N, C-alpha and C. Protein backbone atom coordinates (compact mmCIF):
# COMPACT_ATOMS: atom_id res chain seq x y z
N UNK A 1 -11.24 211.84 -85.43
CA UNK A 1 -12.27 211.57 -87.84
C UNK A 1 -12.88 212.27 -87.03
N UNK A 2 -13.44 213.16 -88.65
CA UNK A 2 -14.93 213.82 -88.54
C UNK A 2 -15.58 213.02 -89.02
N UNK A 3 -16.38 213.57 -89.62
CA UNK A 3 -18.01 213.38 -89.98
C UNK A 3 -19.26 213.80 -90.88
N UNK A 4 -19.37 213.21 -91.97
CA UNK A 4 -20.20 214.49 -92.46
C UNK A 4 -21.49 213.59 -92.96
N UNK A 5 -22.12 213.85 -92.74
CA UNK A 5 -23.80 213.34 -92.55
C UNK A 5 -24.35 213.93 -94.24
N UNK A 6 -25.30 213.20 -94.91
CA UNK A 6 -25.95 213.97 -96.01
C UNK A 6 -27.23 212.80 -95.55
N UNK A 7 -28.26 213.99 -95.46
CA UNK A 7 -30.14 213.19 -95.86
C UNK A 7 -30.50 213.26 -97.52
N UNK A 8 -29.75 212.19 -97.95
CA UNK A 8 -29.64 212.40 -99.44
C UNK A 8 -31.42 212.40 -100.10
N UNK A 9 -31.95 213.17 -100.83
CA UNK A 9 -33.31 213.50 -101.48
C UNK A 9 -33.79 212.46 -100.71
N UNK A 10 -34.23 212.60 -98.98
CA UNK A 10 -35.11 211.90 -97.98
C UNK A 10 -36.56 212.20 -98.37
N UNK A 11 -37.27 211.09 -98.77
CA UNK A 11 -39.00 211.48 -98.67
C UNK A 11 -39.83 210.30 -97.75
N UNK A 12 -40.78 210.65 -97.05
CA UNK A 12 -41.31 209.89 -95.85
C UNK A 12 -42.35 209.90 -96.08
N UNK A 13 -43.44 208.72 -96.46
CA UNK A 13 -45.05 208.82 -96.84
C UNK A 13 -45.58 208.22 -95.64
N UNK A 14 -47.11 208.84 -95.67
CA UNK A 14 -47.63 207.80 -94.95
C UNK A 14 -48.98 208.04 -95.18
N UNK A 15 -49.71 207.00 -95.99
CA UNK A 15 -50.91 207.13 -96.64
C UNK A 15 -50.80 207.63 -97.50
N UNK A 16 -50.25 207.72 -98.19
CA UNK A 16 -49.83 208.09 -99.10
C UNK A 16 -50.07 209.90 -99.13
N UNK A 17 -49.63 210.23 -97.76
CA UNK A 17 -49.92 212.01 -97.74
C UNK A 17 -48.27 212.50 -97.75
N UNK A 18 -47.79 212.71 -98.23
CA UNK A 18 -45.70 213.04 -98.17
C UNK A 18 -45.79 213.94 -96.66
N UNK A 19 -45.01 213.62 -95.50
CA UNK A 19 -44.76 213.99 -94.40
C UNK A 19 -43.12 215.21 -94.26
N UNK A 20 -42.31 214.19 -95.11
CA UNK A 20 -41.11 214.54 -94.88
C UNK A 20 -40.28 214.54 -96.34
N UNK A 21 -39.98 216.00 -96.66
CA UNK A 21 -39.23 216.16 -97.52
C UNK A 21 -37.98 216.87 -97.46
N UNK A 22 -36.31 216.26 -97.46
CA UNK A 22 -35.33 216.84 -97.31
C UNK A 22 -34.24 216.38 -98.05
N UNK A 23 -33.32 217.41 -98.49
CA UNK A 23 -31.99 217.20 -99.13
C UNK A 23 -31.19 218.75 -98.09
N UNK A 24 -30.57 217.69 -97.58
CA UNK A 24 -29.64 218.51 -96.40
C UNK A 24 -28.08 217.41 -95.91
N UNK A 25 -27.63 218.41 -96.10
CA UNK A 25 -25.61 218.01 -95.32
C UNK A 25 -25.39 218.95 -94.19
N UNK A 26 -24.97 217.75 -93.42
CA UNK A 26 -24.81 217.98 -91.87
C UNK A 26 -22.90 218.16 -92.14
N UNK A 27 -22.60 219.45 -92.00
CA UNK A 27 -20.75 218.58 -91.70
C UNK A 27 -20.75 218.63 -89.85
N UNK A 28 -19.21 218.22 -90.17
CA UNK A 28 -19.01 217.43 -89.05
C UNK A 28 -18.85 218.77 -87.50
N UNK A 29 -18.85 218.41 -86.24
CA UNK A 29 -19.33 219.20 -85.76
C UNK A 29 -20.15 220.73 -85.58
N UNK A 30 -21.73 219.99 -86.44
CA UNK A 30 -22.59 221.06 -86.93
C UNK A 30 -23.88 220.76 -86.72
N UNK A 31 -24.76 221.43 -86.32
CA UNK A 31 -26.01 220.71 -85.86
C UNK A 31 -27.44 221.63 -86.47
N UNK A 32 -27.53 220.44 -86.88
CA UNK A 32 -29.40 220.11 -87.82
C UNK A 32 -30.13 220.49 -87.26
N UNK A 33 -31.13 221.43 -87.17
CA UNK A 33 -32.32 221.95 -86.11
C UNK A 33 -33.30 221.05 -87.04
N UNK A 34 -34.08 220.60 -86.78
CA UNK A 34 -35.64 220.28 -87.14
C UNK A 34 -36.77 220.83 -86.26
N UNK A 35 -37.19 221.32 -87.53
CA UNK A 35 -38.96 222.57 -86.28
C UNK A 35 -40.21 221.98 -87.19
N UNK A 36 -41.48 222.28 -86.20
CA UNK A 36 -42.66 222.14 -86.81
C UNK A 36 -43.41 221.62 -85.73
N UNK A 37 -44.61 221.69 -85.83
CA UNK A 37 -46.10 221.17 -84.51
C UNK A 37 -45.61 220.16 -84.61
N UNK A 38 -46.21 219.88 -83.42
CA UNK A 38 -47.06 218.39 -83.19
C UNK A 38 -47.03 216.95 -83.94
N UNK A 39 -46.87 215.99 -85.16
CA UNK A 39 -47.06 215.16 -85.72
C UNK A 39 -46.96 215.58 -87.44
N UNK A 40 -46.18 216.73 -87.29
CA UNK A 40 -45.97 216.97 -88.48
C UNK A 40 -44.23 215.81 -89.10
N UNK A 41 -43.74 215.46 -88.33
CA UNK A 41 -42.79 214.25 -88.46
C UNK A 41 -41.62 214.13 -88.08
N UNK A 42 -40.93 214.88 -87.64
CA UNK A 42 -39.99 215.01 -86.90
C UNK A 42 -39.43 213.89 -86.27
N UNK A 43 -39.97 213.45 -85.28
CA UNK A 43 -39.87 211.71 -84.85
C UNK A 43 -38.85 210.85 -85.77
N UNK A 44 -40.33 211.25 -87.23
CA UNK A 44 -40.16 210.12 -88.10
C UNK A 44 -39.07 209.93 -88.50
N UNK A 45 -38.72 211.11 -88.93
CA UNK A 45 -37.48 211.23 -90.01
C UNK A 45 -35.99 210.83 -89.07
N UNK A 46 -35.62 211.06 -87.69
CA UNK A 46 -35.03 210.44 -86.75
C UNK A 46 -34.88 208.79 -87.13
N UNK A 47 -36.43 208.09 -86.74
CA UNK A 47 -37.01 206.85 -86.77
C UNK A 47 -36.38 206.48 -88.01
N UNK A 48 -36.27 206.86 -89.52
CA UNK A 48 -35.46 206.07 -90.76
C UNK A 48 -33.99 206.32 -90.32
N UNK A 49 -33.32 207.52 -90.12
CA UNK A 49 -31.95 207.31 -89.96
C UNK A 49 -31.25 206.42 -88.94
N UNK A 50 -32.18 205.69 -88.24
CA UNK A 50 -31.64 205.27 -86.90
C UNK A 50 -32.11 203.61 -87.44
N UNK A 51 -33.05 203.64 -88.22
CA UNK A 51 -33.35 202.21 -88.97
C UNK A 51 -34.46 201.81 -87.74
N UNK A 52 -35.22 202.11 -87.60
CA UNK A 52 -36.59 201.92 -87.26
C UNK A 52 -37.84 202.81 -87.52
N UNK A 53 -38.10 203.06 -88.45
CA UNK A 53 -39.16 203.07 -89.36
C UNK A 53 -40.02 202.99 -89.65
N UNK A 54 -41.28 202.73 -88.51
CA UNK A 54 -42.36 201.72 -88.72
C UNK A 54 -42.71 201.22 -90.73
N UNK A 55 -43.53 199.92 -90.65
CA UNK A 55 -43.70 199.43 -91.73
C UNK A 55 -44.77 200.10 -92.55
N UNK A 56 -45.99 200.63 -91.98
CA UNK A 56 -46.64 201.30 -92.86
C UNK A 56 -46.43 202.59 -92.72
N UNK A 57 -44.88 203.13 -92.89
CA UNK A 57 -44.20 204.51 -93.82
C UNK A 57 -43.38 203.65 -94.49
N UNK A 58 -43.40 204.59 -96.05
CA UNK A 58 -43.06 204.80 -97.44
C UNK A 58 -41.73 205.81 -97.06
N UNK A 59 -40.71 204.83 -97.39
CA UNK A 59 -39.48 206.13 -97.80
C UNK A 59 -38.62 205.76 -98.81
N UNK A 60 -37.71 207.07 -99.11
CA UNK A 60 -37.41 206.58 -100.00
C UNK A 60 -35.27 207.42 -100.14
N UNK A 61 -35.17 207.44 -100.32
CA UNK A 61 -33.85 208.63 -100.61
C UNK A 61 -32.11 207.64 -98.92
N UNK A 62 -31.64 208.36 -99.25
CA UNK A 62 -30.54 207.44 -98.57
C UNK A 62 -29.53 207.78 -97.33
N UNK A 63 -29.71 207.85 -96.60
CA UNK A 63 -28.54 208.36 -95.62
C UNK A 63 -27.08 207.91 -95.14
N UNK A 64 -26.42 208.89 -96.38
CA UNK A 64 -25.04 208.88 -96.82
C UNK A 64 -23.88 209.63 -94.67
N UNK A 65 -23.26 208.46 -94.71
CA UNK A 65 -22.35 209.34 -93.92
C UNK A 65 -20.83 208.99 -94.43
N UNK A 66 -20.11 209.83 -93.78
CA UNK A 66 -19.16 210.16 -95.63
C UNK A 66 -19.15 209.18 -96.74
N UNK A 67 -19.97 209.88 -97.32
CA UNK A 67 -20.49 209.05 -98.58
C UNK A 67 -21.22 207.68 -98.42
N UNK A 68 -20.86 206.27 -97.68
CA UNK A 68 -21.37 205.42 -96.93
C UNK A 68 -22.97 205.26 -97.08
N UNK A 69 -24.23 204.29 -97.05
CA UNK A 69 -24.90 204.20 -97.30
C UNK A 69 -25.57 203.76 -95.64
N UNK A 70 -25.87 204.35 -94.94
CA UNK A 70 -25.64 203.59 -93.38
C UNK A 70 -27.66 202.41 -93.58
N UNK A 71 -27.93 203.03 -94.57
CA UNK A 71 -29.95 202.12 -94.79
C UNK A 71 -29.16 200.94 -94.79
N UNK A 72 -28.11 200.52 -95.58
CA UNK A 72 -27.96 199.14 -95.78
C UNK A 72 -27.37 198.07 -94.37
N UNK A 73 -27.54 199.03 -93.56
CA UNK A 73 -26.82 198.27 -92.41
C UNK A 73 -28.21 198.25 -91.44
N UNK A 74 -28.50 196.62 -90.11
CA UNK A 74 -28.87 196.91 -89.03
C UNK A 74 -28.88 198.11 -87.94
N UNK A 75 -29.61 198.84 -87.56
CA UNK A 75 -29.56 199.78 -86.58
C UNK A 75 -28.67 199.69 -86.05
N UNK A 76 -28.12 198.21 -85.33
CA UNK A 76 -27.49 198.18 -83.89
C UNK A 76 -25.69 197.95 -84.58
N UNK A 77 -26.21 198.70 -86.56
CA UNK A 77 -24.46 198.60 -87.05
C UNK A 77 -24.12 200.67 -87.79
N UNK A 78 -24.80 201.14 -87.40
CA UNK A 78 -25.39 202.72 -88.22
C UNK A 78 -24.14 203.51 -87.10
N UNK A 79 -24.56 203.32 -85.60
CA UNK A 79 -23.23 204.01 -85.27
C UNK A 79 -23.32 205.58 -84.80
N UNK A 80 -25.21 205.06 -84.43
CA UNK A 80 -25.57 206.29 -84.57
C UNK A 80 -26.17 206.37 -83.04
N UNK A 81 -25.97 207.75 -82.43
CA UNK A 81 -26.97 207.93 -80.86
C UNK A 81 -27.43 208.50 -81.03
N UNK A 82 -28.21 208.71 -80.03
CA UNK A 82 -29.71 208.93 -80.01
C UNK A 82 -30.21 209.44 -78.63
N UNK A 83 -29.99 210.37 -77.81
CA UNK A 83 -30.44 211.28 -76.56
C UNK A 83 -32.33 212.18 -76.63
N UNK A 84 -32.93 211.43 -75.85
CA UNK A 84 -34.50 212.25 -76.30
C UNK A 84 -34.91 212.50 -74.75
N UNK A 85 -36.09 213.34 -74.22
CA UNK A 85 -35.98 213.89 -73.59
C UNK A 85 -35.92 213.67 -72.25
N UNK A 86 -36.82 211.78 -72.35
CA UNK A 86 -36.06 211.07 -70.89
C UNK A 86 -35.16 210.46 -70.96
N UNK A 87 -34.03 210.23 -69.70
CA UNK A 87 -32.96 210.31 -69.37
C UNK A 87 -33.11 208.98 -70.06
N UNK A 88 -33.59 208.14 -69.21
CA UNK A 88 -33.77 206.39 -69.83
C UNK A 88 -32.61 205.47 -69.11
N UNK A 89 -32.22 206.07 -67.84
CA UNK A 89 -30.91 205.42 -67.52
C UNK A 89 -31.96 203.90 -67.37
N UNK A 90 -30.78 202.93 -66.59
CA UNK A 90 -31.59 201.46 -65.81
C UNK A 90 -31.87 201.88 -64.57
N UNK A 91 -33.11 201.84 -63.97
CA UNK A 91 -32.94 201.89 -62.60
C UNK A 91 -32.02 201.13 -61.72
N UNK A 92 -32.46 199.51 -62.49
CA UNK A 92 -31.47 198.90 -61.72
C UNK A 92 -30.04 198.91 -61.22
N UNK A 93 -28.89 198.94 -62.36
CA UNK A 93 -28.02 199.59 -62.44
C UNK A 93 -27.89 200.89 -61.52
N UNK A 94 -26.42 201.11 -61.00
CA UNK A 94 -26.07 201.95 -60.67
C UNK A 94 -25.63 202.88 -61.56
N UNK A 95 -24.67 204.29 -61.15
CA UNK A 95 -24.30 204.75 -62.83
C UNK A 95 -23.20 204.26 -64.10
N UNK A 96 -22.27 203.94 -62.74
CA UNK A 96 -21.49 203.24 -63.58
C UNK A 96 -21.96 201.62 -64.49
N UNK A 97 -23.18 201.40 -63.71
CA UNK A 97 -22.97 199.81 -64.47
C UNK A 97 -24.39 200.54 -65.68
N UNK A 98 -24.37 201.62 -65.43
CA UNK A 98 -25.47 202.36 -66.75
C UNK A 98 -23.92 202.82 -67.70
N UNK A 99 -23.08 203.49 -67.30
CA UNK A 99 -22.40 203.83 -68.67
C UNK A 99 -21.31 202.44 -69.47
N UNK A 100 -21.01 201.56 -68.14
CA UNK A 100 -20.62 200.64 -68.92
C UNK A 100 -21.05 199.72 -69.67
N UNK A 101 -22.78 199.89 -69.84
CA UNK A 101 -23.50 199.36 -70.99
C UNK A 101 -23.06 200.26 -72.01
N UNK A 102 -22.50 201.21 -72.22
CA UNK A 102 -22.20 201.80 -74.11
C UNK A 102 -20.81 201.18 -73.71
N UNK A 103 -20.27 201.24 -73.30
CA UNK A 103 -19.14 200.87 -73.52
C UNK A 103 -18.51 199.29 -74.57
N UNK A 104 -17.75 199.23 -74.77
CA UNK A 104 -17.60 198.29 -75.81
C UNK A 104 -17.24 197.01 -75.70
N UNK A 105 -17.47 195.67 -76.27
CA UNK A 105 -17.25 194.49 -75.07
C UNK A 105 -15.44 194.88 -75.44
N UNK A 106 -15.07 195.04 -76.21
CA UNK A 106 -13.48 195.35 -77.03
C UNK A 106 -12.38 195.52 -75.23
N UNK A 107 -13.39 196.71 -74.72
CA UNK A 107 -12.68 196.85 -73.14
C UNK A 107 -12.61 196.10 -72.39
N UNK A 108 -11.84 195.38 -71.52
CA UNK A 108 -12.18 194.21 -70.59
C UNK A 108 -11.53 194.85 -69.09
N UNK A 109 -11.74 193.57 -68.50
CA UNK A 109 -11.08 193.71 -67.40
C UNK A 109 -10.71 195.16 -66.29
N UNK A 110 -9.50 195.57 -65.77
CA UNK A 110 -9.80 196.75 -65.52
C UNK A 110 -9.01 198.15 -66.06
N UNK A 111 -9.30 197.93 -67.59
CA UNK A 111 -9.70 199.16 -68.10
C UNK A 111 -11.09 199.27 -68.04
N UNK A 112 -12.32 198.42 -67.67
CA UNK A 112 -13.39 199.42 -67.88
C UNK A 112 -13.92 200.21 -66.81
N UNK A 113 -13.17 200.10 -65.67
CA UNK A 113 -13.87 200.32 -64.52
C UNK A 113 -13.01 201.33 -64.82
N UNK A 114 -11.64 201.33 -65.28
CA UNK A 114 -10.85 202.84 -65.46
C UNK A 114 -11.30 203.78 -66.08
N UNK A 115 -11.94 203.48 -67.40
CA UNK A 115 -12.43 204.06 -68.67
C UNK A 115 -13.62 204.85 -68.01
N UNK A 116 -14.58 204.00 -66.84
CA UNK A 116 -15.60 204.25 -66.61
C UNK A 116 -15.60 205.26 -65.25
N UNK A 117 -15.07 205.67 -64.94
CA UNK A 117 -14.12 206.96 -63.99
C UNK A 117 -13.53 207.39 -64.48
N UNK A 118 -13.11 208.08 -65.55
CA UNK A 118 -12.49 208.54 -66.52
C UNK A 118 -13.60 209.36 -67.40
N UNK A 119 -14.83 208.59 -67.72
CA UNK A 119 -15.76 209.29 -67.99
C UNK A 119 -16.92 209.83 -67.52
N UNK A 120 -16.46 209.99 -66.24
CA UNK A 120 -17.18 210.99 -64.97
C UNK A 120 -17.07 211.80 -64.74
N UNK A 121 -15.00 211.22 -64.66
CA UNK A 121 -14.51 212.91 -64.77
C UNK A 121 -14.39 213.95 -65.80
N UNK A 122 -14.80 213.22 -66.85
CA UNK A 122 -15.00 214.51 -68.29
C UNK A 122 -16.56 214.95 -67.11
N UNK A 123 -17.07 214.87 -66.93
CA UNK A 123 -18.64 215.45 -66.68
C UNK A 123 -18.84 215.54 -65.82
N UNK A 124 -17.57 216.17 -64.77
CA UNK A 124 -17.93 216.59 -63.61
C UNK A 124 -18.92 215.64 -62.35
N UNK A 125 -18.86 213.92 -62.16
CA UNK A 125 -19.43 213.37 -61.66
C UNK A 125 -18.13 211.92 -60.89
N UNK A 126 -16.55 213.17 -61.26
CA UNK A 126 -16.09 211.92 -59.94
C UNK A 126 -16.94 211.57 -58.75
N UNK A 127 -16.41 210.21 -58.60
CA UNK A 127 -16.59 209.41 -57.51
C UNK A 127 -18.37 208.84 -57.21
N UNK A 128 -18.96 209.11 -58.44
CA UNK A 128 -20.09 208.69 -59.02
C UNK A 128 -20.87 207.35 -59.11
N UNK A 129 -19.78 206.41 -59.09
CA UNK A 129 -19.88 205.40 -60.38
C UNK A 129 -20.52 204.14 -59.41
N UNK A 130 -21.09 204.35 -57.72
CA UNK A 130 -21.76 203.59 -56.68
C UNK A 130 -23.00 203.73 -56.36
N UNK A 131 -23.07 205.09 -57.70
CA UNK A 131 -24.44 206.11 -57.53
C UNK A 131 -26.07 205.08 -57.21
N UNK A 132 -27.46 205.14 -56.84
CA UNK A 132 -28.33 205.04 -57.80
C UNK A 132 -28.96 206.55 -58.11
N UNK A 133 -29.25 206.10 -59.40
CA UNK A 133 -29.63 206.81 -60.45
C UNK A 133 -31.04 207.82 -59.90
N UNK A 134 -31.72 207.22 -58.84
CA UNK A 134 -32.83 208.13 -58.49
C UNK A 134 -32.28 208.71 -57.44
N UNK A 135 -31.22 208.47 -57.17
CA UNK A 135 -30.33 209.94 -55.79
C UNK A 135 -29.81 210.69 -57.20
N UNK A 136 -29.87 211.37 -58.45
CA UNK A 136 -29.08 212.29 -58.82
C UNK A 136 -29.79 212.90 -59.62
N UNK A 137 -29.61 214.34 -59.78
CA UNK A 137 -30.68 215.71 -59.62
C UNK A 137 -30.65 215.17 -61.97
N UNK A 138 -31.99 215.92 -62.31
CA UNK A 138 -31.89 215.61 -63.76
C UNK A 138 -31.00 216.24 -64.21
N UNK A 139 -30.01 217.21 -64.51
CA UNK A 139 -29.06 217.91 -64.86
C UNK A 139 -28.01 216.87 -64.10
N UNK A 140 -27.77 216.15 -63.74
CA UNK A 140 -26.59 214.69 -63.46
C UNK A 140 -27.49 213.62 -64.17
N UNK A 141 -28.54 213.39 -64.10
CA UNK A 141 -29.13 211.88 -65.15
C UNK A 141 -28.93 212.78 -67.00
N UNK A 142 -28.93 213.70 -67.00
CA UNK A 142 -28.52 213.96 -68.67
C UNK A 142 -26.89 213.75 -69.15
N UNK A 143 -26.17 214.46 -67.71
CA UNK A 143 -25.12 214.48 -68.48
C UNK A 143 -24.13 212.57 -68.15
N UNK A 144 -24.90 212.07 -67.31
CA UNK A 144 -24.69 210.14 -67.86
C UNK A 144 -25.26 209.59 -68.90
N UNK A 145 -26.60 209.96 -69.02
CA UNK A 145 -26.82 209.94 -70.36
C UNK A 145 -26.56 209.87 -71.66
N UNK A 146 -25.93 211.47 -71.57
CA UNK A 146 -24.77 212.16 -72.86
C UNK A 146 -23.40 210.72 -72.80
N UNK A 147 -22.95 210.43 -71.38
CA UNK A 147 -21.08 210.30 -71.82
C UNK A 147 -21.61 208.64 -71.61
N UNK A 148 -23.34 208.16 -71.36
CA UNK A 148 -23.54 206.84 -71.72
C UNK A 148 -23.47 206.68 -73.09
N UNK A 149 -24.18 207.36 -74.41
CA UNK A 149 -24.29 207.18 -75.55
C UNK A 149 -22.65 207.93 -76.33
N UNK A 150 -21.91 208.92 -75.64
CA UNK A 150 -20.87 208.62 -75.89
C UNK A 150 -19.69 207.58 -75.89
N UNK A 151 -19.74 207.17 -74.51
CA UNK A 151 -19.38 205.86 -75.05
C UNK A 151 -19.07 204.60 -75.33
N UNK A 152 -20.07 204.26 -76.44
CA UNK A 152 -20.21 204.07 -77.36
C UNK A 152 -20.22 204.05 -78.38
N UNK A 153 -19.25 205.34 -79.12
CA UNK A 153 -18.47 206.13 -79.94
C UNK A 153 -19.46 205.75 -81.91
N UNK A 154 -20.43 206.73 -81.06
CA UNK A 154 -21.17 206.67 -82.38
C UNK A 154 -20.55 208.12 -82.92
N UNK A 155 -21.42 208.27 -84.09
CA UNK A 155 -20.15 208.89 -85.57
C UNK A 155 -21.53 210.03 -85.59
N UNK A 156 -22.83 209.41 -85.15
CA UNK A 156 -23.67 210.66 -85.46
C UNK A 156 -24.84 211.06 -84.73
N UNK A 157 -25.10 212.35 -83.94
CA UNK A 157 -25.58 212.60 -82.69
C UNK A 157 -27.44 212.89 -83.36
N UNK A 158 -28.29 212.34 -82.38
CA UNK A 158 -29.67 212.87 -83.05
C UNK A 158 -29.77 213.12 -81.52
N UNK A 159 -30.56 214.31 -81.39
CA UNK A 159 -31.63 214.82 -79.80
C UNK A 159 -32.69 214.97 -80.39
N UNK A 160 -33.59 213.67 -80.12
CA UNK A 160 -35.27 213.84 -79.85
C UNK A 160 -36.02 214.90 -78.68
N UNK A 161 -35.84 216.50 -78.15
CA UNK A 161 -36.41 217.04 -77.46
C UNK A 161 -35.49 216.23 -76.45
N UNK A 162 -34.42 216.47 -76.44
CA UNK A 162 -32.99 216.55 -75.79
C UNK A 162 -33.38 216.78 -74.48
N UNK A 163 -33.53 218.32 -74.91
CA UNK A 163 -33.54 219.39 -73.62
C UNK A 163 -35.16 219.67 -73.28
N UNK A 164 -36.31 219.31 -73.04
CA UNK A 164 -37.35 220.22 -72.94
C UNK A 164 -37.80 219.62 -71.23
N UNK A 165 -37.27 219.02 -70.96
CA UNK A 165 -37.61 218.16 -69.41
C UNK A 165 -37.21 219.32 -68.59
N UNK A 166 -35.79 220.19 -69.03
CA UNK A 166 -34.82 220.65 -68.30
C UNK A 166 -35.38 221.96 -67.44
N UNK A 167 -34.79 222.21 -66.35
CA UNK A 167 -35.50 223.71 -65.87
C UNK A 167 -34.27 224.54 -67.00
N UNK A 168 -33.95 226.31 -67.35
CA UNK A 168 -33.98 227.32 -68.15
C UNK A 168 -32.12 226.36 -67.61
N UNK A 169 -31.59 227.08 -66.57
CA UNK A 169 -30.27 226.82 -66.32
C UNK A 169 -29.70 225.43 -67.02
N UNK A 170 -30.51 224.65 -66.28
CA UNK A 170 -29.57 222.92 -66.39
C UNK A 170 -29.42 222.52 -68.28
N UNK A 171 -31.14 222.89 -69.04
CA UNK A 171 -31.06 223.62 -70.45
C UNK A 171 -30.07 223.91 -70.49
N UNK A 172 -29.72 225.08 -70.56
CA UNK A 172 -29.01 226.40 -70.79
C UNK A 172 -27.13 225.18 -70.62
N UNK A 173 -27.15 224.63 -69.48
CA UNK A 173 -25.57 223.52 -69.24
C UNK A 173 -25.71 222.31 -70.26
N UNK A 174 -26.55 221.76 -69.66
CA UNK A 174 -26.40 220.44 -70.97
C UNK A 174 -26.35 220.91 -72.72
N UNK A 175 -27.35 221.91 -72.70
CA UNK A 175 -26.88 222.16 -74.60
C UNK A 175 -25.45 222.50 -74.20
N UNK A 176 -25.19 223.66 -73.49
CA UNK A 176 -23.81 223.73 -74.09
C UNK A 176 -22.72 222.70 -74.07
N UNK A 177 -22.90 221.31 -72.66
CA UNK A 177 -21.86 220.45 -72.74
C UNK A 177 -21.93 219.62 -73.96
N UNK A 178 -23.71 219.52 -74.48
CA UNK A 178 -23.18 218.83 -75.82
C UNK A 178 -23.34 219.07 -77.20
N UNK A 179 -23.33 220.53 -77.26
CA UNK A 179 -23.27 220.69 -78.64
C UNK A 179 -21.54 221.03 -78.03
N UNK A 180 -20.67 221.56 -77.82
CA UNK A 180 -19.45 221.29 -77.18
C UNK A 180 -18.57 220.34 -77.91
N UNK A 181 -19.62 219.18 -76.89
CA UNK A 181 -18.86 217.81 -77.30
C UNK A 181 -18.61 217.35 -78.44
N UNK A 182 -19.86 217.86 -79.10
CA UNK A 182 -20.32 217.03 -80.41
C UNK A 182 -19.21 217.52 -81.62
N UNK A 183 -18.87 219.06 -81.21
CA UNK A 183 -18.25 220.17 -82.22
C UNK A 183 -16.23 219.79 -81.75
N UNK A 184 -15.82 219.28 -80.24
CA UNK A 184 -14.92 218.91 -80.36
C UNK A 184 -14.47 217.49 -81.01
N UNK A 185 -15.67 216.39 -80.87
CA UNK A 185 -15.56 214.82 -81.63
C UNK A 185 -15.85 214.88 -83.01
N UNK A 186 -16.60 216.13 -83.45
CA UNK A 186 -16.94 216.61 -85.49
C UNK A 186 -17.96 215.43 -85.64
N UNK A 187 -19.13 215.50 -84.92
CA UNK A 187 -20.34 214.39 -84.90
C UNK A 187 -20.80 215.38 -85.63
N UNK A 188 -21.58 215.55 -86.75
CA UNK A 188 -23.10 215.93 -87.23
C UNK A 188 -24.39 215.64 -85.92
N UNK A 189 -24.67 216.44 -85.90
CA UNK A 189 -25.93 216.66 -84.75
C UNK A 189 -27.64 216.64 -86.05
N UNK A 190 -28.47 215.73 -85.28
CA UNK A 190 -29.70 215.98 -85.78
C UNK A 190 -30.32 216.92 -84.74
N UNK A 191 -31.50 217.66 -84.22
CA UNK A 191 -32.07 217.99 -83.65
C UNK A 191 -33.29 218.63 -83.94
N UNK A 192 -33.83 217.72 -83.17
CA UNK A 192 -35.42 217.76 -82.98
C UNK A 192 -35.83 218.84 -82.08
N UNK A 193 -36.72 219.77 -82.48
CA UNK A 193 -36.76 220.39 -81.13
C UNK A 193 -38.03 221.21 -81.17
N UNK A 194 -39.26 221.89 -80.13
CA UNK A 194 -40.07 223.00 -80.57
C UNK A 194 -39.63 224.27 -79.75
N UNK A 195 -38.80 224.03 -79.35
CA UNK A 195 -37.86 225.53 -78.67
C UNK A 195 -36.67 226.36 -80.14
N UNK A 196 -37.55 227.68 -79.98
CA UNK A 196 -35.36 228.19 -81.22
C UNK A 196 -35.20 228.67 -80.47
N UNK A 197 -35.07 228.56 -78.73
CA UNK A 197 -33.88 229.20 -78.62
C UNK A 197 -32.77 227.44 -78.79
N UNK A 198 -33.71 226.40 -78.53
CA UNK A 198 -32.45 225.67 -79.27
C UNK A 198 -31.90 226.00 -80.20
N UNK A 199 -32.81 225.94 -81.06
CA UNK A 199 -31.95 226.26 -82.48
C UNK A 199 -30.87 228.01 -82.62
N UNK A 200 -31.59 228.75 -81.65
CA UNK A 200 -30.74 229.33 -81.72
C UNK A 200 -29.51 229.30 -81.24
N UNK A 201 -28.91 228.53 -79.73
CA UNK A 201 -28.01 227.80 -79.34
C UNK A 201 -27.65 227.11 -80.64
N UNK A 202 -27.78 226.35 -81.18
CA UNK A 202 -27.01 225.47 -82.40
C UNK A 202 -26.26 226.06 -82.54
N UNK A 203 -27.06 227.27 -83.29
CA UNK A 203 -25.92 228.23 -84.64
C UNK A 203 -26.15 227.64 -85.89
N UNK A 204 -26.96 226.79 -86.55
CA UNK A 204 -26.53 225.69 -87.52
C UNK A 204 -27.59 226.18 -88.27
N UNK A 205 -27.86 225.22 -89.28
CA UNK A 205 -28.92 225.31 -90.78
C UNK A 205 -30.04 224.89 -89.64
N UNK A 206 -31.16 225.31 -89.78
CA UNK A 206 -32.98 224.81 -89.67
C UNK A 206 -33.52 224.89 -90.58
N UNK A 207 -34.06 223.22 -90.04
CA UNK A 207 -35.04 222.68 -91.92
C UNK A 207 -36.56 223.18 -90.70
N UNK A 208 -37.74 223.42 -91.47
CA UNK A 208 -38.85 223.35 -90.95
C UNK A 208 -40.22 222.40 -91.09
N UNK A 209 -40.59 221.35 -90.48
CA UNK A 209 -41.76 220.56 -91.05
C UNK A 209 -43.09 221.33 -90.77
N UNK A 210 -44.04 221.15 -91.82
CA UNK A 210 -44.94 221.73 -91.55
C UNK A 210 -46.38 220.98 -91.37
N UNK A 211 -47.22 221.09 -90.64
CA UNK A 211 -48.05 219.75 -90.31
C UNK A 211 -48.97 219.68 -91.63
C-alpha cells in the first residue's frame, strides 16, 4: 500500500521565536530533504512528527498520513520509523534478537526465526543471526538497524543524519539501499541532512531552514 504524507501548515516556535514554518506534501516513495545549520530546527520537526516534541515548544498544524492526522495518536501508534546517525543496536542482544525486537507480537513460534532469516538474506547478511553486533562493520550495523526498523512495518520513514558517520563508500551503499527500499515499499521519507550529496542522491524536493 502506498502512503502520502502532508505536513499541513506546521509552525513550531520556542520562547516566542518561530523556528519552523512548513506546508509540504511528500508523495509515496519520495524523499523530502530538510537542510539547514545546526540549531535551525531540523530535528525539532522530526520530533513533532513522531510525537516527542518537548513541552517548551509551541506547535500548530497537522501531520496528515493519507488524510488522517497522526498528531492525535500517541507516538507508539503512529507507525513512523526513524533512523539516526548512530545505529543504536542493543549491545546485549544478538543480531537476530535485535531484529526480533522490530517484529510484531502477532508473528509467533517458528515464524519469528524464519522471518528473521528472511530479513537477513534481504540485506545480504545471511547466517548472521547469532552474531554479536560489536563484531559487525559500520555498514553492516546500518543495514541491521534499517531492517529492524522496517520489520516494525512503518508507514513513514524519517532519517536524522542517518548516513553522516559512514565513510564515502558505505554511505553511498546504505543511502542507495534506504532510498530503493522506500521506493519499493512506497514510503514517504523525510531526511534531515547537512550534506548536499544526500539531497542530490535522494532526488526529491529540498526544504531549507535558516537559523
